Amino acid sequence: MAIKSTIRFRPAETADAATIRNIVRAAYAKWVPVIGREPLPMRADYDKAVAEHPFELAVEDGRIVGMIETTLADDHLWIENVCVAPEAQGRGIGRLLLERAETKAREAGRPELRLLTNGAFEANVSLYKRHGYTIDREEPFMNGVTVYMSKRLA
């Protein structure tokens, strides 16, 4: 499906923390019945996270519809969280956010992106694979499996 040309991007500000928290909670809610608990991003302190990490927001018609939270490591860009509001999913906004992370990694001289996800989130694992990420390892975590993934940049 085509992405509306009205999607714009901007860095998060302190005042965006509550909206980010609401989007994360809405986006991850579908996984609660799958894993039997709230995924860790639903429990995060977004006031603290916005103050400590860069967030890039996808904005449509003045409303935040998605976000990506990243940090720079010595040899890669870490994607802490990426999500899209449920009503905006399926339109390529997640792909655009991942592309923004790739640009950020290149600009910072980092040849690789890394992230993790819950193995039960099969749709997310498939999405990352479609966008060039490979599974590096899997580890047991809270009665499930954490999937560590990475993507080397050309």
Protein backbone atom coordinates (compact mmCIF):
# COMPACT_ATOMS: atom_id res chain seq x y z
CA MET A 1 0.00 0.00 0.00
CA ALA A 2 1.29 3.47 -0.82
CA ILE A 3 2.50 5.75 1.91
CA LYS A 4 0.73 9.05 2.10
CA SER A 5 2.96 11.94 1.14
CA THR A 6 1.78 13.69 4.29
CA ILE A 7 4.15 11.68 6.54
CA ARG A 8 6.83 13.95 7.99
CA PHE A 9 9.56 13.21 10.49
CA ARG A 10 10.86 15.14 13.45
CA PRO A 11 12.85 14.50 16.60
CA ALA A 12 10.88 13.88 19.78
CA GLU A 13 10.69 16.55 22.44
CA THR A 14 10.10 16.13 26.17
CA ALA A 15 6.43 17.03 25.71
CA ASP A 16 5.99 14.03 23.34
CA ALA A 17 6.67 11.39 26.01
CA ALA A 18 3.02 10.78 26.93
CA THR A 19 1.97 10.44 23.29
CA ILE A 20 4.88 8.07 22.62
CA ARG A 21 3.86 5.97 25.63
CA ASN A 22 0.26 5.81 24.36
CA ILE A 23 1.34 4.74 20.86
CA VAL A 24 3.69 2.08 22.24
CA ARG A 25 0.98 0.70 24.53
CA ALA A 26 -1.54 0.59 21.68
CA ALA A 27 0.91 -0.93 19.19
CA TYR A 28 2.10 -3.67 21.56
CA ALA A 29 -1.31 -4.49 23.08
CA LYS A 30 -1.95 -7.18 20.44
CA TRP A 31 1.02 -9.15 21.79
CA VAL A 32 -0.23 -9.38 25.39
CA PRO A 33 -2.46 -12.43 24.72
CA VAL A 34 0.33 -14.04 22.66
CA ILE A 35 2.95 -13.94 25.43
CA GLY A 36 0.70 -13.69 28.47
CA ARG A 37 2.15 -10.43 29.78
CA GLU A 38 2.87 -6.87 28.71
CA PRO A 39 5.92 -6.70 26.44
CA LEU A 40 8.77 -4.75 28.04
CA PRO A 41 8.30 -1.63 25.83
CA MET A 42 4.84 -1.22 27.36
CA ARG A 43 6.47 -0.86 30.79
CA ALA A 44 9.20 1.62 29.83
CA ASP A 45 9.51 5.09 31.36
CA TYR A 46 9.15 7.28 28.28
CA ASP A 47 9.78 10.52 30.13
CA LYS A 48 13.23 9.14 30.96
CA ALA A 49 13.74 7.50 27.55
CA VAL A 50 12.94 10.69 25.59
CA ALA A 51 15.37 12.59 27.80
CA GLU A 52 18.15 10.01 27.29
CA HIS A 53 17.76 8.63 23.74
CA PRO A 54 17.04 10.03 20.31
CA PHE A 55 13.53 9.33 19.06
CA GLU A 56 12.40 10.12 15.57
CA LEU A 57 8.68 10.58 15.14
CA ALA A 58 6.52 9.92 12.09
CA VAL A 59 3.88 12.66 11.99
CA GLU A 60 0.81 12.76 9.79
CA ASP A 61 -1.61 15.68 9.73
CA GLY A 62 -0.05 17.00 12.94
CA ARG A 63 -0.48 13.67 14.77
CA ILE A 64 2.31 11.29 15.81
CA VAL A 65 1.67 7.92 14.12
CA GLY A 66 4.96 6.13 14.70
CA MET A 67 8.37 6.34 16.28
CA ILE A 68 11.82 4.83 16.39
CA GLU A 69 14.16 5.01 19.38
CA THR A 70 17.86 4.48 18.72
CA THR A 71 21.25 4.76 20.38
CA LEU A 72 24.73 4.78 18.94
CA ALA A 73 27.15 2.09 20.08
CA ASP A 74 30.84 1.98 19.18
CA ASP A 75 30.31 -0.23 16.13
CA HIS A 76 26.58 -0.15 15.37
CA LEU A 77 23.29 1.69 15.74
CA TRP A 78 21.00 0.01 18.25
CA ILE A 79 17.27 0.14 17.57
CA GLU A 80 15.68 0.11 20.99
CA ASN A 81 12.10 0.34 19.78
CA VAL A 82 10.16 0.95 16.60
CA CYS A 83 6.39 0.98 16.40
CA VAL A 84 3.48 2.41 14.47
CA ALA A 85 0.07 3.31 15.85
CA PRO A 86 -2.41 0.50 15.07
CA GLU A 87 -4.58 2.69 12.85
CA ALA A 88 -1.55 3.62 10.72
CA GLN A 89 -0.04 0.13 10.40
CA GLY A 90 0.29 -1.59 7.05
CA ARG A 91 1.11 1.56 5.11
CA GLY A 92 4.91 1.38 5.11
CA ILE A 93 5.55 3.79 7.96
CA GLY A 94 7.60 1.18 9.82
CA ARG A 95 9.75 0.72 6.72
CA LEU A 96 10.30 4.47 6.51
CA LEU A 97 11.35 4.56 10.17
CA LEU A 98 13.81 1.70 9.60
CA GLU A 99 15.21 3.57 6.57
CA ARG A 100 15.70 6.66 8.75
CA ALA A 101 17.69 4.52 11.19
CA GLU A 102 19.87 3.28 8.32
CA THR A 103 20.55 6.86 7.25
CA LYS A 104 21.42 7.78 10.82
CA ALA A 105 23.81 4.82 11.07
CA ARG A 106 25.55 5.75 7.82
CA GLU A 107 25.87 9.40 8.85
CA ALA A 108 27.44 8.29 12.15
CA GLY A 109 29.84 5.90 10.41
CA ARG A 110 28.21 2.77 11.84
CA PRO A 111 28.17 -0.14 9.37
CA GLU A 112 25.51 -2.15 11.14
CA LEU A 113 22.08 -1.90 12.80
CA ARG A 114 21.04 -4.22 15.61
CA LEU A 115 17.80 -4.90 17.45
CA LEU A 116 15.99 -7.57 19.38
CA THR A 117 12.43 -8.79 19.39
CA ASN A 118 10.35 -11.48 21.00
CA GLY A 119 10.38 -14.71 19.00
CA ALA A 120 6.61 -14.98 19.48
CA PHE A 121 6.20 -11.76 17.48
CA GLU A 122 6.46 -13.67 14.20
CA ALA A 123 5.12 -10.78 12.13
CA ASN A 124 7.89 -8.54 13.46
CA VAL A 125 10.61 -11.12 12.81
CA SER A 126 9.28 -11.52 9.24
CA LEU A 127 9.16 -7.74 8.75
CA TYR A 128 12.77 -7.34 9.80
CA LYS A 129 13.86 -10.24 7.57
CA ARG A 130 12.07 -8.63 4.59
CA HIS A 131 14.09 -5.49 5.26
CA GLY A 132 17.44 -7.27 5.24
CA TYR A 133 17.92 -8.20 8.90
CA THR A 134 19.27 -11.62 9.79
CA ILE A 135 18.93 -13.58 13.01
CA ASP A 136 22.21 -13.59 14.93
CA ARG A 137 21.12 -15.63 17.94
CA GLU A 138 18.17 -16.61 20.08
CA GLU A 139 18.12 -16.73 23.88
CA PRO A 140 15.52 -17.85 26.42
CA PHE A 141 13.78 -14.96 28.18
CA MET A 142 10.74 -14.92 30.49
CA ASN A 143 9.28 -18.22 29.23
CA GLY A 144 9.90 -17.19 25.64
CA VAL A 145 12.75 -16.49 23.25
CA THR A 146 14.53 -13.23 22.50
CA VAL A 147 15.63 -12.97 18.86
CA TYR A 148 18.71 -10.81 18.23
CA MET A 149 18.90 -9.48 14.68
CA SER A 150 21.25 -7.29 12.67
CA LYS A 151 21.66 -5.71 9.28
CA ARG A 152 24.97 -4.85 7.64
CA LEU A 153 24.91 -1.71 5.54
CA ALA A 154 26.43 -1.74 2.07
